[in-house]
């Protein structure tokens, strides 16, 4: 009844650069082996399939157009590219986009994480070691910019605004000049970051991929993988199970290629079964959440659902719940989460 009602620090890289479908089951085609893999320098499947230029980058047309405009403008004026904050759920390509920006701008790229910069002295060491004009990519930048973490953030403000590092020497405040740089931050938690911090960046928000774009992306990824040939119908099935998420699609393709390498050919339904993927790309933890909601029959809080899924409340809200909500399987209410009829259907068919 309820358901019915609810219906490494400083790794320098020279980079040369990446509606929920119907519920009908996919008739799994056979994946065949292409030409033997060429011998060359080792690369992971993820590195191989990601786009290396903006021309190869599929989808996110609005974000791509904005970024190309600000990059071209900075180059024409001979200015340092402005700081950019890329906000998106996990797996939508924030790191890939940062590498594309650095390459398009023609600047060396230095990568780190917000967690690394929270260590004592790490921010100063990182900033002072940057090549002049570099792009500093900070993954999970909310580690620096979350509300209440003002000490590191305040130190970072002067660096972002004026390319100086403020400190103390012999009991006196000093400003140490820094190389000019562009900071590109990636976050899944822009809403929890301090507004003063976010305001220093051009905010670029990546949106869910359209199915058409995701199918095209799967085809492009598969074409780059030696030893894998996909029949025409396979790209759509993989896109559906990927949750329209490039990282998920990469993982499915990588496992499919591994299976083909070992067995010669493999049926796609066997790949999905081995990976534990249901029709909407649901994994065990999501099915656990849906099963608990169905059993309770009423609203349940995020903390309780996170405990059922075996993750922290933050991880649940960042990584588990967003897809369940976008897929129309649950809804959020002031009293808690409710399962929908569509969600109930997944618990009975998966």
Foldseek 3Di string as FASTA:
>chain_A
DLQAVQLQQWDWDPAQWAQQDDQDDDPWDKKFWDPADDDDPDDALVVQQGTRELVHYFDPVVLSVVLVVQLVVCVVVVHQRAAAEEEEFPQQQLVVVLRNSCNSNVAIEIEDELVQCVPPPSVVVNQQPDDASHEYEYEAVLSCFFPPNVPSLVQVVCCNPPQWGWDDDPRHIDTHHTHDYYYYYYHHPPVRGDPVSPVRHHYHYGDQGDLVRQLVSLVSSQVRDHTIDDDSVVSSQLCQLQLSGNVSSSVLSSVLSVVCVVPRMDISVVSCVVVQTHRNNDHDLLLQLLVVLVVVVDFDALCVSCVSSVHHSVCCVRPPPVSCVSNSQWDADPRHIHGHPVVVVVNVPD
